[in-house]
Amino acid sequence: VQLQASGGGLVQPGGSLRLSCAASGDIFSINTMGWYRQAPGTQRELVAAMTSGGRTNYADSVKGRFTISRDNAKNTVNLQMNGLKPEDTAVYYCSLTQNWGNLFRYWGQGTLVTVSS
């Protein structure tokens, strides 16, 4: 499984960005796709995830500002980020988790989001 993310960049506080990720390879119909982020000196943390059945999970810090969506037919996942804050600055990683008997999570290459004036 390969994941290709895009859409990062520099944005001013209060601005918006949209991240996109496309998955390819041996993908099961039942899976979870999502976004994690990692700021310098911190651990990678979940931002938002969505199951193939449509169930979502958001970090408390982004609820009401970020929206995750996906297209199961195309194996793509997007993250619409509005009301960005400097503390959202991080490398964002796309992920796909599926069950091979045990859960296995694949990672994209990461895309940098910088929120600064």
C-alpha atoms as a PDB file:
ATOM      1  CA  VAL A   1       0.000   0.000   0.000  1.00  0.00           C
ATOM      2  CA  GLN A   2       1.302   3.441  -0.930  1.00  0.00           C
ATOM      3  CA  LEU A   3      -0.057   6.774   0.260  1.00  0.00           C
ATOM      4  CA  GLN A   4       0.593  10.060  -1.515  1.00  0.00           C
ATOM      5  CA  ALA A   5      -0.286  13.235   0.356  1.00  0.00           C
ATOM      6  CA  SER A   6      -0.432  16.780  -0.920  1.00  0.00           C
ATOM      7  CA  GLY A   7      -1.726  20.219  -0.022  1.00  0.00           C
ATOM      8  CA  GLY A   8       0.509  21.525   2.741  1.00  0.00           C
ATOM      9  CA  GLY A   9       1.980  24.988   2.795  1.00  0.00           C
ATOM     10  CA  LEU A  10       2.210  28.317   4.570  1.00  0.00           C
ATOM     11  CA  VAL A  11      -0.969  30.038   5.695  1.00  0.00           C
ATOM     12  CA  GLN A  12      -1.774  32.952   7.978  1.00  0.00           C
ATOM     13  CA  PRO A  13      -3.635  32.430  11.258  1.00  0.00           C
ATOM     14  CA  GLY A  14      -7.343  32.116  10.586  1.00  0.00           C
ATOM     15  CA  GLY A  15      -6.748  30.814   7.081  1.00  0.00           C
ATOM     16  CA  SER A  16      -7.642  27.528   5.447  1.00  0.00           C
ATOM     17  CA  LEU A  17      -5.854  24.645   3.775  1.00  0.00           C
ATOM     18  CA  ARG A  18      -7.018  21.383   2.268  1.00  0.00           C
ATOM     19  CA  LEU A  19      -4.906  18.264   2.478  1.00  0.00           C
ATOM     20  CA  SER A  20      -5.469  15.361   0.119  1.00  0.00           C
ATOM     21  CA  CYS A  21      -4.199  11.808   0.139  1.00  0.00           C
ATOM     22  CA  ALA A  22      -4.533   9.002  -2.395  1.00  0.00           C
ATOM     23  CA  ALA A  23      -3.936   5.379  -1.510  1.00  0.00           C
ATOM     24  CA  SER A  24      -2.983   2.638  -3.944  1.00  0.00           C
ATOM     25  CA  GLY A  25      -2.078  -1.019  -3.751  1.00  0.00           C
ATOM     26  CA  ASP A  26      -3.699  -3.923  -1.920  1.00  0.00           C
ATOM     27  CA  ILE A  27      -6.480  -2.031  -0.147  1.00  0.00           C
ATOM     28  CA  PHE A  28      -9.314  -3.772   1.644  1.00  0.00           C
ATOM     29  CA  SER A  29     -12.862  -2.471   1.369  1.00  0.00           C
ATOM     30  CA  ILE A  30     -12.985  -2.126   5.160  1.00  0.00           C
ATOM     31  CA  ASN A  31     -10.355   0.235   6.492  1.00  0.00           C
ATOM     32  CA  THR A  32      -9.757   3.481   8.302  1.00  0.00           C
ATOM     33  CA  MET A  33      -8.068   6.443   6.681  1.00  0.00           C
ATOM     34  CA  GLY A  34      -6.936   9.434   8.597  1.00  0.00           C
ATOM     35  CA  TRP A  35      -4.488  12.189   9.354  1.00  0.00           C
ATOM     36  CA  TYR A  36      -1.906  12.477  12.095  1.00  0.00           C
ATOM     37  CA  ARG A  37       0.470  15.310  12.803  1.00  0.00           C
ATOM     38  CA  GLN A  38       3.784  15.771  14.497  1.00  0.00           C
ATOM     39  CA  ALA A  39       5.251  19.065  15.632  1.00  0.00           C
ATOM     40  CA  PRO A  40       8.962  19.373  16.508  1.00  0.00           C
ATOM     41  CA  GLY A  41       9.735  17.780  19.862  1.00  0.00           C
ATOM     42  CA  THR A  42       6.328  16.144  20.192  1.00  0.00           C
ATOM     43  CA  GLN A  43       4.812  12.748  19.554  1.00  0.00           C
ATOM     44  CA  ARG A  44       2.711  12.043  16.513  1.00  0.00           C
ATOM     45  CA  GLU A  45      -0.942  12.557  17.330  1.00  0.00           C
ATOM     46  CA  LEU A  46      -4.247  11.752  15.699  1.00  0.00           C
ATOM     47  CA  VAL A  47      -5.944  14.688  14.013  1.00  0.00           C
ATOM     48  CA  ALA A  48      -8.916  13.002  12.374  1.00  0.00           C
ATOM     49  CA  ALA A  49      -9.870   9.588  11.056  1.00  0.00           C
ATOM     50  CA  MET A  50     -12.759   8.135   9.131  1.00  0.00           C
ATOM     51  CA  THR A  51     -13.762   4.515   8.642  1.00  0.00           C
ATOM     52  CA  SER A  52     -14.922   3.147   5.318  1.00  0.00           C
ATOM     53  CA  GLY A  53     -18.361   3.014   6.926  1.00  0.00           C
ATOM     54  CA  GLY A  54     -18.322   6.754   7.564  1.00  0.00           C
ATOM     55  CA  ARG A  55     -17.594   6.929  11.291  1.00  0.00           C
ATOM     56  CA  THR A  56     -15.342   9.824  12.234  1.00  0.00           C
ATOM     57  CA  ASN A  57     -13.038  10.645  15.112  1.00  0.00           C
ATOM     58  CA  TYR A  58     -11.461  14.042  15.739  1.00  0.00           C
ATOM     59  CA  ALA A  59      -8.908  15.361  18.178  1.00  0.00           C
ATOM     60  CA  ASP A  60     -10.575  17.764  20.605  1.00  0.00           C
ATOM     61  CA  SER A  61      -8.220  20.513  19.494  1.00  0.00           C
ATOM     62  CA  VAL A  62      -9.565  20.501  15.919  1.00  0.00           C
ATOM     63  CA  LYS A  63     -13.268  19.812  16.451  1.00  0.00           C
ATOM     64  CA  GLY A  64     -15.377  22.426  14.723  1.00  0.00           C
ATOM     65  CA  ARG A  65     -12.459  23.626  12.581  1.00  0.00           C
ATOM     66  CA  PHE A  66     -11.315  20.578  10.606  1.00  0.00           C
ATOM     67  CA  THR A  67     -13.437  18.247   8.493  1.00  0.00           C
ATOM     68  CA  ILE A  68     -12.362  14.869   7.176  1.00  0.00           C
ATOM     69  CA  SER A  69     -13.930  13.304   4.105  1.00  0.00           C
ATOM     70  CA  ARG A  70     -13.176  10.336   1.906  1.00  0.00           C
ATOM     71  CA  ASP A  71     -14.088   8.693  -1.367  1.00  0.00           C
ATOM     72  CA  ASN A  72     -14.112   4.926  -0.915  1.00  0.00           C
ATOM     73  CA  ALA A  73     -14.252   4.230  -4.641  1.00  0.00           C
ATOM     74  CA  LYS A  74     -11.109   6.284  -5.252  1.00  0.00           C
ATOM     75  CA  ASN A  75      -9.348   5.431  -1.972  1.00  0.00           C
ATOM     76  CA  THR A  76      -8.805   9.078  -1.202  1.00  0.00           C
ATOM     77  CA  VAL A  77      -9.111  11.057   2.006  1.00  0.00           C
ATOM     78  CA  ASN A  78      -9.171  14.816   2.466  1.00  0.00           C
ATOM     79  CA  LEU A  79      -8.778  17.113   5.426  1.00  0.00           C
ATOM     80  CA  GLN A  80     -10.333  20.567   5.193  1.00  0.00           C
ATOM     81  CA  MET A  81      -8.685  22.798   7.777  1.00  0.00           C
ATOM     82  CA  ASN A  82     -10.343  26.101   8.609  1.00  0.00           C
ATOM     83  CA  GLY A  83      -9.555  28.617  11.298  1.00  0.00           C
ATOM     84  CA  LEU A  84      -5.940  27.539  11.416  1.00  0.00           C
ATOM     85  CA  LYS A  85      -3.888  28.465  14.448  1.00  0.00           C
ATOM     86  CA  PRO A  86      -0.109  28.662  14.941  1.00  0.00           C
ATOM     87  CA  GLU A  87      -0.353  25.565  17.143  1.00  0.00           C
ATOM     88  CA  ASP A  88      -1.598  23.604  14.119  1.00  0.00           C
ATOM     89  CA  THR A  89       1.874  23.932  12.617  1.00  0.00           C
ATOM     90  CA  ALA A  90       3.232  20.423  12.080  1.00  0.00           C
ATOM     91  CA  VAL A  91       4.048  17.770   9.544  1.00  0.00           C
ATOM     92  CA  TYR A  92       0.793  16.058   8.642  1.00  0.00           C
ATOM     93  CA  TYR A  93       0.791  12.381   7.767  1.00  0.00           C
ATOM     94  CA  CYS A  94      -1.882  10.498   5.905  1.00  0.00           C
ATOM     95  CA  SER A  95      -2.582   6.990   7.191  1.00  0.00           C
ATOM     96  CA  LEU A  96      -4.502   3.876   6.236  1.00  0.00           C
ATOM     97  CA  THR A  97      -5.218   1.087   8.706  1.00  0.00           C
ATOM     98  CA  GLN A  98      -6.542  -2.307   7.742  1.00  0.00           C
ATOM     99  CA  ASN A  99      -6.755  -5.752   9.236  1.00  0.00           C
ATOM    100  CA  TRP A 100      -4.460  -8.473   7.957  1.00  0.00           C
ATOM    101  CA  GLY A 101      -5.287 -10.645  10.948  1.00  0.00           C
ATOM    102  CA  ASN A 102      -3.651  -7.902  12.960  1.00  0.00           C
ATOM    103  CA  LEU A 103      -4.207  -4.219  12.385  1.00  0.00           C
ATOM    104  CA  PHE A 104      -1.502  -2.610  10.265  1.00  0.00           C
ATOM    105  CA  ARG A 105      -1.135   1.115   9.648  1.00  0.00           C
ATOM    106  CA  TYR A 106       0.489   2.516   6.533  1.00  0.00           C
ATOM    107  CA  TRP A 107       1.906   6.044   6.360  1.00  0.00           C
ATOM    108  CA  GLY A 108       2.273   8.656   3.681  1.00  0.00           C
ATOM    109  CA  GLN A 109       5.373  10.785   3.320  1.00  0.00           C
ATOM    110  CA  GLY A 110       4.125  13.764   5.331  1.00  0.00           C
ATOM    111  CA  THR A 111       3.311  17.278   4.260  1.00  0.00           C
ATOM    112  CA  LEU A 112       4.311  20.404   6.175  1.00  0.00           C
ATOM    113  CA  VAL A 113       1.661  22.854   7.340  1.00  0.00           C
ATOM    114  CA  THR A 114       2.958  26.143   8.705  1.00  0.00           C
ATOM    115  CA  VAL A 115       0.578  28.648  10.272  1.00  0.00           C
ATOM    116  CA  SER A 116       2.312  31.970  10.729  1.00  0.00           C
ATOM    117  CA  SER A 117       1.864  35.658  10.057  1.00  0.00           C
END
